[in-house]
């Protein structure tokens, strides 16, 4: 069987869909009939017990979850597509670092802001939970902004070549609801959205954002 990706429009599976497309590998896209930011049907836990998207069924029928893990796996499966720097190089170390950083600090904050009821049992603390999540996301984006060498070849995190870390970070950056001065991240996002393979997928998920 080919890959099967479970997602919904505007959700984090965008980056996995982009990765599969960049890898030029066949996959089936299963878009669930629900909006981003709303709970999934309870029966989806039969596929992913944690009840979250994206969920990727691999070619052998096994299931992968966790966006960062999926991206790292796909990059390793298709080394000829240069979705990440070669393993064992300093650039690959940086790719791993920032992909995991984005997952732990940015994506986690997105979830706290969007699903605050998961992170507090006190209904009075919902707004404070969301506010703290947005602030934390801004702090993480500032770290990424500083990590992009202003004198380097750019516009991507690791230089001229786009990796899946850039696609991931562009998605998370566009979700930030606050204000931030981040010209390098803006250039990174524009580099991702101008990529001829990624552009139509981006527009379908995020429009002109």
N, C-alpha and C. Protein backbone atom coordinates (compact mmCIF):
# COMPACT_ATOMS: atom_id res chain seq x y z
N UNK A 1 0.84 -1.20 0.00
CA UNK A 1 0.00 0.00 0.00
C UNK A 1 0.87 1.24 0.00
N UNK A 2 0.32 2.36 -0.42
CA UNK A 2 1.03 3.63 -0.36
C UNK A 2 0.80 4.26 1.01
N UNK A 3 1.42 5.39 1.23
CA UNK A 3 1.18 6.13 2.47
C UNK A 3 -0.28 6.60 2.51
N UNK A 4 -0.80 6.72 3.74
CA UNK A 4 -2.12 7.32 3.92
C UNK A 4 -2.00 8.39 5.00
N UNK A 5 -2.36 9.61 4.65
CA UNK A 5 -2.25 10.74 5.59
C UNK A 5 -3.63 11.19 6.01
N UNK A 6 -3.87 11.17 7.32
CA UNK A 6 -5.11 11.70 7.88
C UNK A 6 -4.86 13.14 8.32
N UNK A 7 -5.72 14.02 7.87
CA UNK A 7 -5.56 15.44 8.18
C UNK A 7 -6.90 16.14 8.01
N UNK A 8 -6.90 17.44 8.22
CA UNK A 8 -8.03 18.28 7.89
C UNK A 8 -7.48 19.63 7.44
N UNK A 9 -8.20 20.35 6.60
CA UNK A 9 -7.68 21.61 6.05
C UNK A 9 -7.28 22.58 7.15
N UNK A 10 -6.10 23.19 6.98
CA UNK A 10 -5.62 24.18 7.93
C UNK A 10 -4.93 23.61 9.14
N UNK A 11 -4.80 22.29 9.21
CA UNK A 11 -4.16 21.65 10.35
C UNK A 11 -2.70 21.34 10.08
N UNK A 12 -2.05 20.78 11.11
CA UNK A 12 -0.61 20.56 11.04
C UNK A 12 -0.18 19.53 10.02
N UNK A 13 -1.12 18.74 9.51
CA UNK A 13 -0.75 17.79 8.48
C UNK A 13 -0.35 18.44 7.18
N UNK A 14 -0.55 19.76 7.08
CA UNK A 14 -0.05 20.48 5.89
C UNK A 14 1.40 20.14 5.62
N UNK A 15 2.23 20.20 6.65
CA UNK A 15 3.67 20.03 6.44
C UNK A 15 3.99 18.59 6.05
N UNK A 16 3.22 17.62 6.55
CA UNK A 16 3.44 16.23 6.15
C UNK A 16 2.99 16.03 4.71
N UNK A 17 1.86 16.63 4.33
CA UNK A 17 1.43 16.58 2.94
C UNK A 17 2.48 17.19 2.02
N UNK A 18 3.04 18.32 2.45
CA UNK A 18 4.10 18.96 1.66
C UNK A 18 5.32 18.06 1.56
N UNK A 19 5.68 17.41 2.67
CA UNK A 19 6.85 16.53 2.67
C UNK A 19 6.66 15.35 1.73
N UNK A 20 5.48 14.73 1.76
CA UNK A 20 5.22 13.61 0.87
C UNK A 20 5.24 14.04 -0.59
N UNK A 21 4.72 15.23 -0.85
CA UNK A 21 4.71 15.75 -2.22
C UNK A 21 6.13 16.09 -2.69
N UNK A 22 6.92 16.69 -1.82
CA UNK A 22 8.31 16.99 -2.15
C UNK A 22 9.10 15.71 -2.38
N UNK A 23 8.73 14.65 -1.67
CA UNK A 23 9.39 13.36 -1.85
C UNK A 23 8.97 12.67 -3.14
N UNK A 24 7.91 13.18 -3.75
CA UNK A 24 7.39 12.62 -5.01
C UNK A 24 7.03 11.15 -4.83
N UNK A 25 6.34 10.87 -3.72
CA UNK A 25 5.93 9.50 -3.44
C UNK A 25 4.41 9.42 -3.40
N UNK A 26 3.81 8.33 -3.85
CA UNK A 26 2.35 8.23 -3.83
C UNK A 26 1.80 8.21 -2.41
N UNK A 27 0.68 8.89 -2.19
CA UNK A 27 0.01 8.82 -0.89
C UNK A 27 -1.47 9.13 -1.07
N UNK A 28 -2.25 8.59 -0.14
CA UNK A 28 -3.68 8.85 -0.10
C UNK A 28 -3.93 9.90 0.98
N UNK A 29 -4.64 10.94 0.65
CA UNK A 29 -4.97 11.99 1.61
C UNK A 29 -6.40 11.78 2.08
N UNK A 30 -6.56 11.58 3.37
CA UNK A 30 -7.88 11.42 3.97
C UNK A 30 -8.15 12.68 4.80
N UNK A 31 -9.00 13.56 4.29
CA UNK A 31 -9.31 14.80 4.98
C UNK A 31 -10.58 14.60 5.81
N UNK A 32 -10.45 14.74 7.10
CA UNK A 32 -11.58 14.54 8.00
C UNK A 32 -12.53 15.73 7.91
N UNK A 33 -13.79 15.45 8.08
CA UNK A 33 -14.83 16.46 7.92
C UNK A 33 -15.02 17.22 9.23
N UNK A 34 -14.02 18.01 9.58
CA UNK A 34 -14.10 18.86 10.77
C UNK A 34 -13.13 20.01 10.59
N UNK A 35 -13.33 21.06 11.36
CA UNK A 35 -12.51 22.26 11.24
C UNK A 35 -11.34 22.21 12.22
N UNK A 36 -10.24 22.83 11.80
CA UNK A 36 -9.09 22.95 12.70
C UNK A 36 -9.51 23.69 13.96
N UNK A 37 -9.04 23.22 15.10
CA UNK A 37 -9.38 23.85 16.37
C UNK A 37 -10.59 23.25 17.05
N UNK A 38 -11.23 22.27 16.42
CA UNK A 38 -12.37 21.60 17.02
C UNK A 38 -12.00 20.15 17.32
N UNK A 39 -12.66 19.52 18.29
CA UNK A 39 -12.33 18.13 18.62
C UNK A 39 -12.63 17.19 17.46
N UNK A 40 -11.83 16.15 17.35
CA UNK A 40 -12.07 15.12 16.35
C UNK A 40 -13.12 14.14 16.86
N UNK A 41 -13.70 13.41 15.92
CA UNK A 41 -14.63 12.36 16.31
C UNK A 41 -13.93 11.36 17.23
N UNK A 42 -14.64 10.90 18.25
CA UNK A 42 -14.04 10.00 19.23
C UNK A 42 -13.55 8.72 18.58
N UNK A 43 -14.21 8.25 17.52
CA UNK A 43 -13.80 6.99 16.90
C UNK A 43 -12.47 7.10 16.16
N UNK A 44 -11.95 8.33 15.97
CA UNK A 44 -10.63 8.47 15.36
C UNK A 44 -9.54 7.89 16.25
N UNK A 45 -9.83 7.75 17.55
CA UNK A 45 -8.84 7.18 18.46
C UNK A 45 -8.55 5.71 18.14
N UNK A 46 -9.39 5.08 17.34
CA UNK A 46 -9.09 3.72 16.90
C UNK A 46 -7.88 3.73 15.96
N UNK A 47 -7.64 4.86 15.30
CA UNK A 47 -6.48 5.00 14.42
C UNK A 47 -5.31 5.60 15.19
N UNK A 48 -5.57 6.67 15.91
CA UNK A 48 -4.56 7.32 16.74
C UNK A 48 -5.12 7.47 18.15
N UNK A 49 -4.66 6.66 19.10
CA UNK A 49 -5.22 6.71 20.46
C UNK A 49 -5.13 8.07 21.13
N UNK A 50 -4.18 8.90 20.67
CA UNK A 50 -4.04 10.24 21.25
C UNK A 50 -5.05 11.21 20.65
N UNK A 51 -5.68 10.80 19.54
CA UNK A 51 -6.76 11.59 18.96
C UNK A 51 -6.32 12.90 18.34
N UNK A 52 -5.15 12.92 17.72
CA UNK A 52 -4.64 14.15 17.12
C UNK A 52 -4.19 13.91 15.68
N UNK A 53 -4.12 15.00 14.96
CA UNK A 53 -3.61 15.02 13.59
C UNK A 53 -2.29 15.79 13.58
N UNK A 54 -1.44 15.48 12.58
CA UNK A 54 -1.59 14.49 11.52
C UNK A 54 -1.28 13.09 12.00
N UNK A 55 -1.81 12.13 11.29
CA UNK A 55 -1.51 10.72 11.51
C UNK A 55 -1.17 10.12 10.16
N UNK A 56 -0.04 9.43 10.11
CA UNK A 56 0.44 8.88 8.84
C UNK A 56 0.52 7.36 8.94
N UNK A 57 -0.15 6.69 8.02
CA UNK A 57 -0.03 5.24 7.91
C UNK A 57 1.07 4.96 6.88
N UNK A 58 2.08 4.23 7.32
CA UNK A 58 3.23 3.96 6.46
C UNK A 58 2.90 2.86 5.46
N UNK A 59 3.81 2.65 4.53
CA UNK A 59 3.56 1.72 3.44
C UNK A 59 3.39 0.28 3.91
N UNK A 60 3.89 -0.05 5.12
CA UNK A 60 3.71 -1.40 5.65
C UNK A 60 2.49 -1.53 6.54
N UNK A 61 1.72 -0.42 6.66
CA UNK A 61 0.51 -0.44 7.47
C UNK A 61 0.70 0.04 8.90
N UNK A 62 1.94 0.24 9.32
CA UNK A 62 2.16 0.77 10.67
C UNK A 62 1.84 2.25 10.72
N UNK A 63 1.62 2.76 11.92
CA UNK A 63 1.14 4.13 12.09
C UNK A 63 2.21 4.99 12.74
N UNK A 64 2.39 6.19 12.19
CA UNK A 64 3.25 7.19 12.80
C UNK A 64 2.42 8.40 13.19
N UNK A 65 2.75 8.94 14.36
CA UNK A 65 2.19 10.21 14.81
C UNK A 65 3.35 11.11 15.20
N UNK A 66 3.06 12.31 15.63
CA UNK A 66 4.04 13.32 16.04
C UNK A 66 4.72 13.90 14.80
N UNK A 67 4.36 15.13 14.49
CA UNK A 67 4.78 15.77 13.24
C UNK A 67 6.29 15.76 13.06
N UNK A 68 7.03 16.15 14.08
CA UNK A 68 8.49 16.22 13.95
C UNK A 68 9.06 14.85 13.62
N UNK A 69 8.57 13.81 14.29
CA UNK A 69 9.06 12.45 14.04
C UNK A 69 8.76 12.03 12.60
N UNK A 70 7.56 12.37 12.12
CA UNK A 70 7.19 12.01 10.75
C UNK A 70 8.13 12.70 9.75
N UNK A 71 8.40 13.98 9.97
CA UNK A 71 9.27 14.72 9.05
C UNK A 71 10.68 14.14 9.03
N UNK A 72 11.21 13.83 10.19
CA UNK A 72 12.56 13.26 10.27
C UNK A 72 12.59 11.90 9.57
N UNK A 73 11.55 11.11 9.77
CA UNK A 73 11.47 9.80 9.13
C UNK A 73 11.41 9.92 7.61
N UNK A 74 10.55 10.80 7.11
CA UNK A 74 10.41 10.94 5.66
C UNK A 74 11.70 11.45 5.02
N UNK A 75 12.37 12.37 5.69
CA UNK A 75 13.64 12.86 5.16
C UNK A 75 14.65 11.73 5.04
N UNK A 76 14.63 10.80 6.01
CA UNK A 76 15.56 9.67 5.97
C UNK A 76 15.16 8.66 4.90
N UNK A 77 13.86 8.55 4.62
CA UNK A 77 13.38 7.58 3.63
C UNK A 77 13.71 8.00 2.20
N UNK A 78 13.85 9.30 1.99
CA UNK A 78 14.06 9.81 0.63
C UNK A 78 15.29 10.72 0.58
N UNK A 79 16.48 10.17 0.86
CA UNK A 79 17.68 11.01 0.93
C UNK A 79 17.99 11.69 -0.40
N UNK A 80 17.58 11.07 -1.50
CA UNK A 80 17.87 11.65 -2.81
C UNK A 80 17.07 12.92 -3.07
N UNK A 81 16.03 13.17 -2.28
CA UNK A 81 15.20 14.37 -2.46
C UNK A 81 15.70 15.56 -1.63
N UNK A 82 16.73 15.33 -0.82
CA UNK A 82 17.35 16.40 -0.02
C UNK A 82 16.31 17.17 0.80
N UNK A 83 15.45 16.43 1.48
CA UNK A 83 14.46 17.06 2.37
C UNK A 83 15.10 17.54 3.66
N UNK A 84 16.30 17.09 3.91
CA UNK A 84 17.10 17.50 5.07
C UNK A 84 18.56 17.32 4.70
N UNK A 85 19.48 17.94 5.42
CA UNK A 85 20.91 17.72 5.15
C UNK A 85 21.30 16.27 5.40
N UNK A 86 22.42 15.82 4.85
CA UNK A 86 22.85 14.43 5.04
C UNK A 86 23.12 14.11 6.51
N UNK A 87 22.67 12.95 6.99
CA UNK A 87 22.94 12.55 8.37
C UNK A 87 24.43 12.55 8.68
N UNK A 88 24.75 12.90 9.90
CA UNK A 88 26.14 12.92 10.33
C UNK A 88 26.84 14.24 10.11
N UNK A 89 26.20 15.16 9.39
CA UNK A 89 26.81 16.47 9.15
C UNK A 89 26.34 17.47 10.21
N UNK A 90 27.12 18.54 10.44
CA UNK A 90 26.65 19.58 11.36
C UNK A 90 25.31 20.17 10.94
N UNK A 91 25.09 20.29 9.64
CA UNK A 91 23.82 20.84 9.17
C UNK A 91 22.66 19.92 9.54
N UNK A 92 22.88 18.62 9.52
CA UNK A 92 21.82 17.69 9.92
C UNK A 92 21.54 17.82 11.41
N UNK A 93 22.59 18.02 12.18
CA UNK A 93 22.39 18.26 13.60
C UNK A 93 21.53 19.49 13.84
N UNK A 94 21.78 20.55 13.06
CA UNK A 94 20.96 21.77 13.19
C UNK A 94 19.53 21.50 12.74
N UNK A 95 19.36 20.71 11.68
CA UNK A 95 18.02 20.35 11.23
C UNK A 95 17.25 19.64 12.34
N UNK A 96 17.87 18.66 12.99
CA UNK A 96 17.22 17.95 14.08
C UNK A 96 16.91 18.89 15.24
N UNK A 97 17.88 19.72 15.56
CA UNK A 97 17.69 20.64 16.69
C UNK A 97 16.47 21.52 16.49
N UNK A 98 16.37 22.17 15.34
CA UNK A 98 15.31 23.15 15.15
C UNK A 98 13.96 22.50 14.84
N UNK A 99 13.98 21.31 14.26
CA UNK A 99 12.72 20.61 14.05
C UNK A 99 12.11 20.21 15.39
N UNK A 100 12.94 19.68 16.29
CA UNK A 100 12.45 19.30 17.61
C UNK A 100 12.11 20.55 18.42
N UNK A 101 12.92 21.59 18.31
CA UNK A 101 12.64 22.85 19.01
C UNK A 101 11.27 23.38 18.62
N UNK A 102 10.99 23.36 17.31
CA UNK A 102 9.69 23.86 16.83
C UNK A 102 8.55 23.03 17.38
N UNK A 103 8.75 21.73 17.46
CA UNK A 103 7.71 20.84 17.97
C UNK A 103 7.44 21.08 19.45
N UNK A 104 8.51 21.14 20.23
CA UNK A 104 8.38 21.23 21.68
C UNK A 104 7.91 22.61 22.13
N UNK A 105 8.39 23.65 21.47
CA UNK A 105 8.13 25.00 21.96
C UNK A 105 7.05 25.75 21.17
N UNK A 106 7.03 25.59 19.86
CA UNK A 106 6.03 26.30 19.06
C UNK A 106 4.72 25.53 18.95
N UNK A 107 4.81 24.29 18.51
CA UNK A 107 3.58 23.52 18.31
C UNK A 107 2.85 23.32 19.64
N UNK A 108 3.61 23.07 20.69
CA UNK A 108 3.01 22.89 22.02
C UNK A 108 2.27 24.15 22.45
N UNK A 109 2.85 25.31 22.15
CA UNK A 109 2.18 26.56 22.51
C UNK A 109 0.93 26.78 21.66
N UNK A 110 0.98 26.39 20.40
CA UNK A 110 -0.21 26.47 19.55
C UNK A 110 -1.34 25.64 20.16
N UNK A 111 -1.02 24.46 20.63
CA UNK A 111 -2.04 23.60 21.23
C UNK A 111 -2.58 24.19 22.52
N UNK A 112 -1.72 24.78 23.33
CA UNK A 112 -2.20 25.41 24.57
C UNK A 112 -3.12 26.59 24.28
N UNK A 113 -2.78 27.35 23.23
CA UNK A 113 -3.62 28.49 22.87
C UNK A 113 -4.95 28.05 22.27
N UNK A 114 -4.91 27.00 21.46
CA UNK A 114 -6.11 26.56 20.77
C UNK A 114 -6.99 25.62 21.57
N UNK A 115 -6.38 24.88 22.47
CA UNK A 115 -7.12 23.90 23.28
C UNK A 115 -6.78 24.10 24.76
N UNK A 116 -7.03 25.28 25.33
CA UNK A 116 -6.61 25.55 26.71
C UNK A 116 -7.24 24.61 27.73
N UNK A 117 -8.40 24.06 27.41
CA UNK A 117 -9.08 23.17 28.35
C UNK A 117 -8.29 21.89 28.58
N UNK A 118 -7.35 21.58 27.70
CA UNK A 118 -6.51 20.40 27.90
C UNK A 118 -5.44 20.65 28.96
N UNK A 119 -5.17 21.91 29.25
CA UNK A 119 -4.01 22.27 30.07
C UNK A 119 -4.38 22.89 31.41
N UNK A 120 -5.67 23.08 31.66
CA UNK A 120 -6.10 23.57 32.95
C UNK A 120 -7.49 23.03 33.25
N UNK A 121 -7.68 22.65 34.51
CA UNK A 121 -9.00 22.19 34.94
C UNK A 121 -9.82 23.33 35.52
N UNK A 122 -9.23 24.53 35.57
CA UNK A 122 -9.89 25.71 36.14
C UNK A 122 -10.41 26.57 35.00
N UNK A 123 -11.71 26.66 34.84
CA UNK A 123 -12.28 27.44 33.75
C UNK A 123 -11.88 28.90 33.83
N UNK A 124 -11.59 29.37 35.03
CA UNK A 124 -11.18 30.77 35.18
C UNK A 124 -9.77 31.01 34.65
N UNK A 125 -9.02 29.94 34.45
CA UNK A 125 -7.63 30.08 34.01
C UNK A 125 -7.47 29.92 32.50
N UNK A 126 -8.57 29.73 31.78
CA UNK A 126 -8.49 29.48 30.34
C UNK A 126 -7.82 30.65 29.62
N UNK A 127 -8.27 31.86 29.89
CA UNK A 127 -7.71 33.02 29.21
C UNK A 127 -6.23 33.20 29.55
N UNK A 128 -5.87 33.02 30.81
CA UNK A 128 -4.47 33.15 31.21
C UNK A 128 -3.61 32.09 30.54
N UNK A 129 -4.14 30.89 30.38
CA UNK A 129 -3.41 29.82 29.71
C UNK A 129 -3.14 30.19 28.26
N UNK A 130 -4.13 30.73 27.60
CA UNK A 130 -3.97 31.15 26.21
C UNK A 130 -2.97 32.30 26.10
N UNK A 131 -3.06 33.26 26.98
CA UNK A 131 -2.15 34.41 26.94
C UNK A 131 -0.71 33.97 27.14
N UNK A 132 -0.49 33.07 28.11
CA UNK A 132 0.86 32.57 28.37
C UNK A 132 1.39 31.78 27.17
N UNK A 133 0.50 31.04 26.51
CA UNK A 133 0.92 30.24 25.36
C UNK A 133 1.36 31.13 24.21
N UNK A 134 0.62 32.20 23.95
CA UNK A 134 0.98 33.12 22.86
C UNK A 134 2.32 33.80 23.18
N UNK A 135 2.50 34.19 24.43
CA UNK A 135 3.77 34.81 24.82
C UNK A 135 4.93 33.84 24.64
N UNK A 136 4.72 32.60 25.02
CA UNK A 136 5.78 31.60 24.90
C UNK A 136 6.12 31.36 23.43
N UNK A 137 5.10 31.33 22.60
CA UNK A 137 5.33 31.14 21.17
C UNK A 137 6.14 32.29 20.60
N UNK A 138 5.83 33.51 21.02
CA UNK A 138 6.59 34.66 20.57
C UNK A 138 8.05 34.57 20.97
N UNK A 139 8.30 34.09 22.17
CA UNK A 139 9.68 33.94 22.64
C UNK A 139 10.42 32.90 21.79
N UNK A 140 9.75 31.80 21.46
CA UNK A 140 10.38 30.76 20.65
C UNK A 140 10.66 31.26 19.23
N UNK A 141 9.73 32.02 18.67
CA UNK A 141 9.95 32.59 17.34
C UNK A 141 11.12 33.56 17.34
N UNK A 142 11.28 34.30 18.43
CA UNK A 142 12.41 35.22 18.53
C UNK A 142 13.74 34.46 18.54
N UNK A 143 13.77 33.29 19.17
CA UNK A 143 14.97 32.46 19.15
C UNK A 143 15.28 32.00 17.73
N UNK A 144 14.26 31.60 16.99
CA UNK A 144 14.46 31.18 15.60
C UNK A 144 14.89 32.34 14.72
N UNK A 145 14.30 33.50 14.93
CA UNK A 145 14.70 34.69 14.17
C UNK A 145 16.19 34.96 14.35
N UNK A 146 16.65 34.85 15.59
CA UNK A 146 18.06 35.10 15.88
C UNK A 146 18.97 34.01 15.32
N UNK A 147 18.42 32.80 15.13
CA UNK A 147 19.23 31.69 14.65
C UNK A 147 19.52 31.77 13.16
N UNK A 148 18.72 32.54 12.43
CA UNK A 148 18.94 32.70 11.00
C UNK A 148 20.04 33.73 10.79
N UNK A 149 21.13 33.32 10.18
CA UNK A 149 22.30 34.19 10.03
C UNK A 149 21.95 35.37 9.11
N UNK A 150 21.97 36.61 9.66
CA UNK A 150 21.61 37.76 8.82
C UNK A 150 22.60 38.01 7.69
N UNK A 151 23.82 37.51 7.85
CA UNK A 151 24.82 37.70 6.80
C UNK A 151 25.00 36.48 5.92
N UNK A 152 24.18 35.45 6.18
CA UNK A 152 24.31 34.22 5.43
C UNK A 152 23.59 34.27 4.09
N UNK A 153 23.66 33.18 3.34
CA UNK A 153 23.05 33.16 2.02
C UNK A 153 21.53 33.17 2.07
N UNK A 154 20.95 32.64 3.17
CA UNK A 154 19.50 32.65 3.34
C UNK A 154 18.75 32.14 2.13
N UNK A 155 17.41 32.25 2.15
CA UNK A 155 16.60 32.82 3.22
C UNK A 155 16.20 31.81 4.27
N UNK A 156 16.71 30.57 4.15
CA UNK A 156 16.23 29.51 5.02
C UNK A 156 17.09 29.36 6.25
N UNK A 157 16.60 28.53 7.16
CA UNK A 157 17.26 28.38 8.45
C UNK A 157 18.70 27.90 8.31
N UNK A 158 18.93 27.02 7.31
CA UNK A 158 20.25 26.44 7.14
C UNK A 158 20.97 26.99 5.91
N UNK A 159 20.44 28.07 5.34
CA UNK A 159 21.11 28.67 4.18
C UNK A 159 20.21 28.76 2.97
N UNK A 160 20.76 28.46 1.82
CA UNK A 160 20.01 28.61 0.57
C UNK A 160 19.03 27.48 0.31
N UNK A 161 19.31 26.30 0.84
CA UNK A 161 18.49 25.13 0.54
C UNK A 161 17.36 25.00 1.55
N UNK A 162 16.14 24.83 1.06
CA UNK A 162 14.98 24.63 1.92
C UNK A 162 14.96 23.20 2.44
N UNK A 163 14.72 23.05 3.73
CA UNK A 163 14.54 21.74 4.33
C UNK A 163 13.13 21.64 4.90
N UNK A 164 12.77 20.45 5.35
CA UNK A 164 11.45 20.29 5.96
C UNK A 164 11.31 21.10 7.24
N UNK A 165 12.43 21.42 7.89
CA UNK A 165 12.36 22.28 9.07
C UNK A 165 11.80 23.65 8.70
N UNK A 166 12.18 24.17 7.54
CA UNK A 166 11.68 25.47 7.10
C UNK A 166 10.18 25.43 6.83
N UNK A 167 9.72 24.37 6.19
CA UNK A 167 8.29 24.23 5.89
C UNK A 167 7.50 24.16 7.20
N UNK A 168 8.03 23.43 8.15
CA UNK A 168 7.40 23.28 9.47
C UNK A 168 7.33 24.63 10.18
N UNK A 169 8.45 25.33 10.21
CA UNK A 169 8.51 26.61 10.91
C UNK A 169 7.63 27.65 10.24
N UNK A 170 7.57 27.65 8.91
CA UNK A 170 6.71 28.59 8.19
C UNK A 170 5.25 28.40 8.60
N UNK A 171 4.82 27.16 8.72
CA UNK A 171 3.45 26.87 9.14
C UNK A 171 3.19 27.39 10.54
N UNK A 172 4.10 27.12 11.45
CA UNK A 172 3.91 27.55 12.83
C UNK A 172 3.98 29.08 12.95
N UNK A 173 4.83 29.69 12.16
CA UNK A 173 4.96 31.15 12.18
C UNK A 173 3.66 31.82 11.75
N UNK A 174 3.01 31.27 10.72
CA UNK A 174 1.79 31.90 10.22
C UNK A 174 0.63 31.73 11.21
N UNK A 175 0.76 30.79 12.12
CA UNK A 175 -0.27 30.60 13.15
C UNK A 175 -0.11 31.57 14.32
N UNK A 176 0.99 32.27 14.41
CA UNK A 176 1.22 33.14 15.57
C UNK A 176 0.23 34.30 15.57
N UNK A 177 -0.58 34.44 16.63
CA UNK A 177 -1.62 35.48 16.64
C UNK A 177 -1.15 36.82 17.18
N UNK A 178 0.11 36.90 17.61
CA UNK A 178 0.60 38.14 18.19
C UNK A 178 1.38 38.98 17.19
N UNK A 179 2.04 40.00 17.71
CA UNK A 179 2.88 40.87 16.89
C UNK A 179 4.36 40.56 17.18
N UNK A 180 5.14 40.53 16.12
CA UNK A 180 6.56 40.26 16.28
C UNK A 180 7.31 40.87 15.11
N UNK A 181 8.49 41.42 15.41
CA UNK A 181 9.37 41.93 14.36
C UNK A 181 10.29 40.79 13.96
N UNK A 182 10.02 40.18 12.81
CA UNK A 182 10.78 38.99 12.41
C UNK A 182 11.00 38.99 10.91
N UNK A 183 11.82 39.92 10.39
CA UNK A 183 12.01 39.97 8.93
C UNK A 183 12.64 38.71 8.36
N UNK A 184 13.49 38.04 9.13
CA UNK A 184 14.12 36.82 8.60
C UNK A 184 13.12 35.67 8.52
N UNK A 185 12.24 35.57 9.51
CA UNK A 185 11.21 34.55 9.45
C UNK A 185 10.20 34.85 8.34
N UNK A 186 9.94 36.11 8.10
CA UNK A 186 9.06 36.48 6.98
C UNK A 186 9.69 36.05 5.67
N UNK A 187 11.00 36.28 5.52
CA UNK A 187 11.69 35.86 4.30
C UNK A 187 11.69 34.34 4.17
N UNK A 188 11.86 33.64 5.29
CA UNK A 188 11.80 32.18 5.27
C UNK A 188 10.43 31.71 4.80
N UNK A 189 9.37 32.28 5.38
CA UNK A 189 8.01 31.90 4.99
C UNK A 189 7.77 32.17 3.52
N UNK A 190 8.23 33.31 3.03
CA UNK A 190 8.04 33.64 1.62
C UNK A 190 8.80 32.66 0.73
N UNK A 191 9.98 32.23 1.17
CA UNK A 191 10.73 31.23 0.42
C UNK A 191 9.97 29.91 0.33
N UNK A 192 9.31 29.53 1.44
CA UNK A 192 8.52 28.31 1.45
C UNK A 192 7.29 28.45 0.56
N UNK A 193 6.57 29.56 0.72
CA UNK A 193 5.31 29.72 -0.03
C UNK A 193 5.54 29.97 -1.51
N UNK A 194 6.75 30.36 -1.89
CA UNK A 194 7.07 30.54 -3.31
C UNK A 194 7.63 29.29 -3.95
N UNK A 195 7.87 28.26 -3.15
CA UNK A 195 8.35 27.01 -3.72
C UNK A 195 7.24 26.43 -4.61
N UNK A 196 7.53 26.10 -5.86
CA UNK A 196 6.47 25.69 -6.78
C UNK A 196 5.74 24.41 -6.37
N UNK A 197 6.41 23.55 -5.61
CA UNK A 197 5.75 22.33 -5.15
C UNK A 197 4.89 22.59 -3.92
N UNK A 198 5.39 23.41 -3.02
CA UNK A 198 4.69 23.67 -1.76
C UNK A 198 3.56 24.68 -1.95
N UNK A 199 3.72 25.63 -2.86
CA UNK A 199 2.78 26.76 -2.99
C UNK A 199 1.32 26.33 -3.11
N UNK A 200 0.95 25.40 -4.00
CA UNK A 200 -0.47 25.06 -4.10
C UNK A 200 -1.02 24.38 -2.86
N UNK A 201 -0.18 23.63 -2.15
CA UNK A 201 -0.61 22.98 -0.90
C UNK A 201 -0.84 24.04 0.17
N UNK A 202 0.08 25.01 0.24
CA UNK A 202 -0.06 26.11 1.19
C UNK A 202 -1.36 26.87 0.95
N UNK A 203 -1.62 27.21 -0.30
CA UNK A 203 -2.83 28.00 -0.60
C UNK A 203 -4.10 27.24 -0.23
N UNK A 204 -4.09 25.93 -0.45
CA UNK A 204 -5.28 25.15 -0.11
C UNK A 204 -5.53 25.13 1.39
N UNK A 205 -4.46 25.15 2.16
CA UNK A 205 -4.60 25.10 3.63
C UNK A 205 -4.73 26.49 4.25
N UNK A 206 -3.98 27.46 3.75
CA UNK A 206 -3.86 28.74 4.44
C UNK A 206 -4.20 29.95 3.59
N UNK A 207 -4.60 29.73 2.35
CA UNK A 207 -4.93 30.86 1.50
C UNK A 207 -3.74 31.75 1.26
N UNK A 208 -3.93 33.06 1.41
CA UNK A 208 -2.86 34.03 1.16
C UNK A 208 -2.12 34.43 2.43
N UNK A 209 -2.31 33.72 3.48
CA UNK A 209 -1.63 34.07 4.75
C UNK A 209 -0.12 33.95 4.61
